[in-house]
Amino acid sequence: MLYIRELMDRYAIEVIPTKAIATQSGDTASLVSLRKVFGDMRLIDLEPQHVYKYADTRVDPRSGKKSPSTGRHDVNVLRHVFHESG
């Protein structure tokens, strides 16, 4: 049984350190938010509607307001987590 947090852990250890400093910071922040929602989910249970809902309801921690652009960034990081794991 593979959990999404396991893929995120591997991504954080193997991929994020190879990125530019600013990108490392942004991707790490995205992983923190993504872990809260998807970390305990089994990979096989993840469905597109989970990701759409996450992106649509994501709140920017700095402003406290709904931020679709932050949600899209997080989804891009999640997509990269999956891409790098395969």
Foldseek 3Di string as FASTA:
>chain_A
DAFLLVLVVCCLPPPLVVDDPVVSVLLVVLSVVCCVQGRRPHPVPDDPVSLVVQLQQDADPVVRHRDNVSSVVSVVSSVVSVVVVD
